[in-house]
Amino acid sequence: MAITASMVKELRDTTGAGMMDAKKALTENDGNMEAAVDWLRTKGLAKAAKKSGRTAAEGLVAVAVDGSTAVAVEVNSETDFVAKNADFQAMVASFSQAALNVDDIEALKSADVNGKPVSEVLTDKIATIGENMSVRRMAKLTGASVVSYVHNAAAPGMGKIGVLVALSGENEAFGKQVAMHVAATNPAALNEAELDASVIDKERQVQIDIARESGKPEQVIEKMIEGRMKKYMAEVTLVNQAFVVNPDLTVAAAAAEAGVEVTGYVRLEVGEGIEVVKEDFAAEVAAVGKG
């Protein structure tokens, strides 16, 4: 497979690796971007793992809580200007309330808001404001008690990041602290059991390859991998992370001290995972000039 300059640039932007290292990684892995990232990590040449998503769309995440049930809904717009529009915010708030009565995004699009389905309300707003919009995601959470938190709030109950945390008992103050922690650290899963097995296997293989590059004996490598996987779990699973409010405790230990258990969480960030292709006008003109 031909390795293009744009592929090399993408890999460099993702990992922080040098140009020649990025090109070699892509060449060694036949242009497979994910495999190239892992190759760079194995060689110790990547400064960071591949980003899980890039915030490239605007809009708002709104949260709503009703007793032991809570929802978070993401509604996208083309510009941040629209996200600050009071009419847009009122529409997003109404969608989050409607989401309390449905189970998924498709049902939400058909849910009633002031006598109209959500999809029709959205279409009307697009016509009025003149900008494309979409109801992109919703997530629902239940528990003995559920707490919500919005980071970078644009209006009550909505902002750039919406978090829900479910607890085994009542402790709103602690729940808010955990929700703020989730907003800041963006864990991959609640615990190891809920972490995708393929993600664990992939990380383990990367750590095996890194350890073997060291040339140490197999029994030493096994201990290295065990320690590194434990460290990895402490970084990506919520209950095993160092609690931001008291880094001497894990989130699970802090919850035990607070008399509760964290049973679930949701974190939605505006535009997460959406990538907008940026046009390189100068490069485009140069390419056209070359005929």
Protein backbone atom coordinates (compact mmCIF):
# COMPACT_ATOMS: atom_id res chain seq x y z
CA MET A 1 0.00 0.00 0.00
CA ALA A 2 1.30 3.46 -0.93
CA ILE A 3 2.08 5.57 2.14
CA THR A 4 0.94 9.16 1.55
CA ALA A 5 2.13 12.35 3.20
CA SER A 6 -1.32 12.87 4.71
CA MET A 7 -1.15 9.43 6.36
CA VAL A 8 2.26 10.26 7.84
CA LYS A 9 0.94 13.62 9.09
CA GLU A 10 -2.11 11.97 10.70
CA LEU A 11 0.08 9.44 12.52
CA ARG A 12 2.50 12.18 13.66
CA ASP A 13 -0.39 14.32 14.94
CA THR A 14 -1.83 11.33 16.79
CA THR A 15 1.36 10.02 18.40
CA GLY A 16 3.90 12.85 18.39
CA ALA A 17 6.39 10.58 16.63
CA GLY A 18 9.01 11.90 14.20
CA MET A 19 8.36 12.00 10.47
CA MET A 20 10.66 9.12 9.52
CA ASP A 21 9.49 6.98 12.44
CA ALA A 22 5.86 7.56 11.45
CA LYS A 23 6.59 6.67 7.82
CA LYS A 24 8.45 3.51 8.84
CA ALA A 25 5.61 2.47 11.18
CA LEU A 26 3.07 2.81 8.36
CA THR A 27 5.35 0.98 5.92
CA GLU A 28 5.93 -1.89 8.38
CA ASN A 29 2.17 -2.23 8.90
CA ASP A 30 0.97 -1.80 5.31
CA GLY A 31 -0.69 1.55 6.03
CA ASN A 32 -2.82 0.26 8.94
CA MET A 33 -3.07 3.30 11.24
CA GLU A 34 -3.94 1.45 14.47
CA ALA A 35 -1.24 -1.14 13.93
CA ALA A 36 1.25 1.65 13.22
CA VAL A 37 0.35 3.33 16.53
CA ASP A 38 0.93 0.06 18.39
CA TRP A 39 4.23 -0.44 16.52
CA LEU A 40 5.43 3.01 17.60
CA ARG A 41 4.39 2.34 21.19
CA THR A 42 6.27 -0.97 21.16
CA LYS A 43 9.41 0.81 19.96
CA GLY A 44 8.94 3.55 22.54
CA LEU A 45 8.53 6.16 19.80
CA ALA A 46 4.94 7.25 20.43
CA LYS A 47 4.42 10.04 22.93
CA ALA A 48 0.77 9.19 23.38
CA ALA A 49 -1.69 6.46 22.49
CA LYS A 50 -4.10 7.03 19.65
CA LYS A 51 -6.75 9.52 20.62
CA SER A 52 -10.16 7.92 21.08
CA GLY A 53 -11.96 10.87 19.53
CA ARG A 54 -11.61 14.48 18.57
CA THR A 55 -14.09 17.19 19.43
CA ALA A 56 -14.91 18.69 16.06
CA ALA A 57 -18.66 19.43 16.26
CA GLU A 58 -20.47 22.04 18.30
CA GLY A 59 -23.70 21.88 20.29
CA LEU A 60 -24.71 20.91 23.81
CA VAL A 61 -25.14 17.93 26.12
CA ALA A 62 -28.18 18.24 28.37
CA VAL A 63 -28.85 16.15 31.49
CA ALA A 64 -32.11 15.44 33.28
CA VAL A 65 -32.84 13.46 36.46
CA ASP A 66 -36.15 12.01 37.61
CA GLY A 67 -35.82 10.05 40.85
CA SER A 68 -33.64 7.01 40.22
CA THR A 69 -33.43 7.60 36.46
CA ALA A 70 -31.28 10.08 34.59
CA VAL A 71 -30.47 10.82 30.95
CA ALA A 72 -27.86 12.71 28.96
CA VAL A 73 -28.63 13.87 25.42
CA GLU A 74 -26.23 15.34 22.86
CA VAL A 75 -27.60 17.71 20.22
CA ASN A 76 -25.11 19.01 17.67
CA SER A 77 -25.00 22.26 15.73
CA GLU A 78 -22.53 23.60 13.20
CA THR A 79 -21.30 26.51 15.32
CA ASP A 80 -20.81 27.41 18.94
CA PHE A 81 -22.80 30.58 18.23
CA VAL A 82 -25.95 28.49 17.80
CA ALA A 83 -25.17 26.54 21.00
CA LYS A 84 -25.42 29.87 22.85
CA ASN A 85 -28.81 30.63 21.29
CA ALA A 86 -31.64 30.63 23.87
CA ASP A 87 -34.10 28.98 21.47
CA PHE A 88 -31.65 26.19 20.72
CA GLN A 89 -31.01 25.69 24.43
CA ALA A 90 -34.74 25.52 25.17
CA MET A 91 -35.13 22.88 22.46
CA VAL A 92 -32.24 20.80 23.83
CA ALA A 93 -33.72 20.99 27.35
CA SER A 94 -37.08 19.76 26.04
CA PHE A 95 -35.36 16.83 24.31
CA SER A 96 -33.64 15.77 27.54
CA GLN A 97 -36.98 15.77 29.37
CA ALA A 98 -38.53 13.67 26.60
CA ALA A 99 -35.59 11.25 26.82
CA LEU A 100 -36.59 10.31 30.38
CA ASN A 101 -39.55 8.42 28.91
CA VAL A 102 -37.72 6.46 26.18
CA ASP A 103 -34.92 3.92 26.02
CA ASP A 104 -32.84 4.81 22.96
CA ILE A 105 -32.04 7.50 20.43
CA GLU A 106 -34.46 6.23 17.76
CA ALA A 107 -37.33 6.26 20.24
CA LEU A 108 -36.32 9.76 21.28
CA LYS A 109 -36.59 11.04 17.71
CA SER A 110 -40.21 9.88 17.70
CA ALA A 111 -41.00 11.14 21.22
CA ASP A 112 -43.54 13.92 21.67
CA VAL A 113 -42.47 17.48 22.49
CA ASN A 114 -45.30 20.00 22.61
CA GLY A 115 -47.44 17.95 20.25
CA LYS A 116 -44.70 17.22 17.70
CA PRO A 117 -42.13 14.44 17.39
CA VAL A 118 -38.58 15.44 18.29
CA SER A 119 -37.44 14.92 14.68
CA GLU A 120 -40.02 17.44 13.43
CA VAL A 121 -39.16 19.98 16.15
CA LEU A 122 -35.54 19.69 15.07
CA THR A 123 -36.41 20.16 11.39
CA ASP A 124 -38.41 23.28 12.23
CA LYS A 125 -35.49 24.69 14.23
CA ILE A 126 -33.08 24.02 11.37
CA ALA A 127 -35.36 26.00 9.06
CA THR A 128 -35.65 28.84 11.57
CA ILE A 129 -31.97 29.15 12.55
CA GLY A 130 -30.56 28.18 9.16
CA GLU A 131 -27.91 25.78 10.43
CA ASN A 132 -27.70 22.01 10.31
CA MET A 133 -28.37 20.19 13.60
CA SER A 134 -28.72 16.61 14.78
CA VAL A 135 -29.85 14.64 17.81
CA ARG A 136 -26.75 12.48 17.96
CA ARG A 137 -26.68 10.44 21.18
CA MET A 138 -28.51 9.70 24.38
CA ALA A 139 -27.57 7.62 27.39
CA LYS A 140 -29.74 6.49 30.28
CA LEU A 141 -28.69 5.48 33.78
CA THR A 142 -30.57 4.09 36.76
CA GLY A 143 -29.53 3.40 40.34
CA ALA A 144 -30.56 3.65 43.97
CA SER A 145 -29.62 7.31 43.48
CA VAL A 146 -28.36 9.15 40.42
CA VAL A 147 -26.43 12.42 40.36
CA SER A 148 -25.77 14.67 37.35
CA TYR A 149 -23.05 17.21 36.60
CA VAL A 150 -22.44 19.54 33.66
CA HIS A 151 -19.00 20.92 32.87
CA ASN A 152 -18.65 24.26 31.06
CA ALA A 153 -22.34 24.94 31.53
CA ALA A 154 -23.96 27.16 28.90
CA ALA A 155 -27.30 27.10 30.74
CA PRO A 156 -28.76 25.15 33.68
CA GLY A 157 -28.44 21.41 33.01
CA MET A 158 -26.50 21.69 29.75
CA GLY A 159 -22.97 22.31 28.58
CA LYS A 160 -20.00 20.80 26.77
CA ILE A 161 -19.70 17.71 28.99
CA GLY A 162 -22.57 15.94 30.75
CA VAL A 163 -21.96 13.28 33.42
CA LEU A 164 -24.31 10.93 35.28
CA VAL A 165 -23.23 8.82 38.26
CA ALA A 166 -25.27 6.04 39.87
CA LEU A 167 -24.71 5.14 43.53
CA SER A 168 -25.90 2.26 45.70
CA GLY A 169 -27.29 4.74 48.25
CA GLU A 170 -27.96 8.41 48.93
CA ASN A 171 -24.94 10.71 49.04
CA GLU A 172 -25.43 13.57 46.59
CA ALA A 173 -22.34 15.52 47.66
CA PHE A 174 -20.05 12.54 47.05
CA GLY A 175 -21.86 11.71 43.82
CA LYS A 176 -21.15 15.23 42.54
CA GLN A 177 -17.47 14.79 43.36
CA VAL A 178 -17.34 11.52 41.43
CA ALA A 179 -19.18 13.12 38.50
CA MET A 180 -16.61 15.92 38.42
CA HIS A 181 -13.87 13.28 38.57
CA VAL A 182 -15.40 11.48 35.57
CA ALA A 183 -15.63 14.74 33.63
CA ALA A 184 -11.92 15.37 34.24
CA THR A 185 -10.46 11.87 33.74
CA ASN A 186 -12.81 10.32 31.15
CA PRO A 187 -12.38 6.67 32.26
CA ALA A 188 -12.84 3.92 29.68
CA ALA A 189 -15.05 1.74 31.91
CA LEU A 190 -16.43 1.43 35.44
CA ASN A 191 -14.20 -1.54 36.29
CA GLU A 192 -12.12 -4.25 34.64
CA ALA A 193 -15.15 -6.50 34.13
CA GLU A 194 -16.85 -3.83 32.02
CA LEU A 195 -13.76 -2.99 29.97
CA ASP A 196 -13.89 -4.42 26.45
CA ALA A 197 -11.90 -7.66 26.43
CA SER A 198 -10.38 -6.78 23.05
CA VAL A 199 -9.05 -3.53 24.53
CA ILE A 200 -7.41 -5.44 27.39
CA ASP A 201 -5.93 -8.03 25.02
CA LYS A 202 -4.56 -5.32 22.74
CA GLU A 203 -2.93 -3.45 25.62
CA ARG A 204 -1.48 -6.67 27.02
CA GLN A 205 0.06 -7.52 23.65
CA VAL A 206 1.58 -4.04 23.36
CA GLN A 207 3.08 -4.42 26.84
CA ILE A 208 4.41 -7.90 25.97
CA ASP A 209 6.10 -6.50 22.87
CA ILE A 210 7.56 -3.57 24.83
CA ALA A 211 8.85 -5.90 27.55
CA ARG A 212 10.44 -8.29 25.06
CA GLU A 213 12.23 -5.38 23.40
CA SER A 214 14.07 -5.00 26.72
CA GLY A 215 15.72 -8.38 26.25
CA LYS A 216 15.03 -9.43 29.85
CA PRO A 217 14.38 -13.11 30.85
CA GLU A 218 10.85 -14.46 30.33
CA GLN A 219 10.09 -14.73 34.08
CA VAL A 220 11.07 -11.08 34.54
CA ILE A 221 8.95 -10.10 31.54
CA GLU A 222 5.90 -11.80 33.07
CA LYS A 223 6.26 -9.73 36.25
CA MET A 224 6.79 -6.56 34.20
CA ILE A 225 3.59 -7.21 32.25
CA GLU A 226 1.61 -7.96 35.40
CA GLY A 227 2.72 -4.66 36.97
CA ARG A 228 2.09 -2.65 33.82
CA MET A 229 -1.40 -4.09 33.32
CA LYS A 230 -2.27 -3.26 36.94
CA LYS A 231 -1.08 0.29 36.31
CA TYR A 232 -3.11 0.41 33.09
CA MET A 233 -6.29 -0.66 34.92
CA ALA A 234 -5.65 2.04 37.52
CA GLU A 235 -5.53 4.59 34.73
CA VAL A 236 -8.57 3.59 32.65
CA THR A 237 -11.16 2.09 35.05
CA LEU A 238 -13.13 4.49 37.22
CA VAL A 239 -13.18 2.57 40.50
CA ASN A 240 -9.42 1.97 40.35
CA GLN A 241 -8.41 5.53 39.49
CA ALA A 242 -6.87 7.80 42.10
CA PHE A 243 -9.74 10.01 43.30
CA VAL A 244 -9.12 13.60 42.20
CA VAL A 245 -10.49 14.96 45.48
CA ASN A 246 -8.12 12.73 47.51
CA PRO A 247 -5.43 11.06 45.35
CA ASP A 248 -4.40 8.88 48.30
CA LEU A 249 -7.60 6.89 47.76
CA THR A 250 -9.03 5.10 44.75
CA VAL A 251 -12.57 6.05 43.74
CA ALA A 252 -13.77 2.70 45.12
CA ALA A 253 -12.06 3.32 48.48
CA ALA A 254 -13.43 6.86 48.67
CA ALA A 255 -16.91 5.53 47.93
CA ALA A 256 -16.58 2.96 50.74
CA GLU A 257 -15.63 5.77 53.14
CA ALA A 258 -18.70 7.69 51.94
CA GLY A 259 -20.89 4.68 52.68
CA VAL A 260 -21.84 3.96 49.06
CA GLU A 261 -20.68 2.10 45.95
CA VAL A 262 -20.40 3.57 42.46
CA THR A 263 -22.60 1.30 40.33
CA GLY A 264 -22.47 3.08 36.98
CA TYR A 265 -21.68 6.25 35.10
CA VAL A 266 -22.24 8.03 31.80
CA ARG A 267 -20.05 10.71 30.22
CA LEU A 268 -21.01 12.50 27.00
CA GLU A 269 -18.84 15.23 25.52
CA VAL A 270 -19.98 17.43 22.65
CA GLY A 271 -18.53 16.30 19.35
CA GLU A 272 -16.64 13.37 20.85
CA GLY A 273 -15.55 11.00 18.10
CA ILE A 274 -16.56 13.33 15.27
CA GLU A 275 -13.71 14.39 13.02
CA VAL A 276 -14.06 17.28 10.62
CA VAL A 277 -11.75 17.15 7.62
CA LYS A 278 -9.85 20.42 7.35
CA GLU A 279 -9.16 21.54 3.81
CA ASP A 280 -5.56 22.50 3.04
CA PHE A 281 -6.31 25.16 0.45
CA ALA A 282 -2.66 25.83 -0.39
CA ALA A 283 -1.97 22.14 -1.01
CA GLU A 284 -5.11 21.86 -3.10
CA VAL A 285 -4.08 24.80 -5.30
CA ALA A 286 -0.56 23.36 -5.66
CA ALA A 287 -1.93 19.98 -6.70
CA VAL A 288 -4.18 21.60 -9.31
CA GLY A 289 -1.23 23.65 -10.58
CA LYS A 290 0.77 20.48 -11.18
CA GLY A 291 -1.95 19.42 -13.54
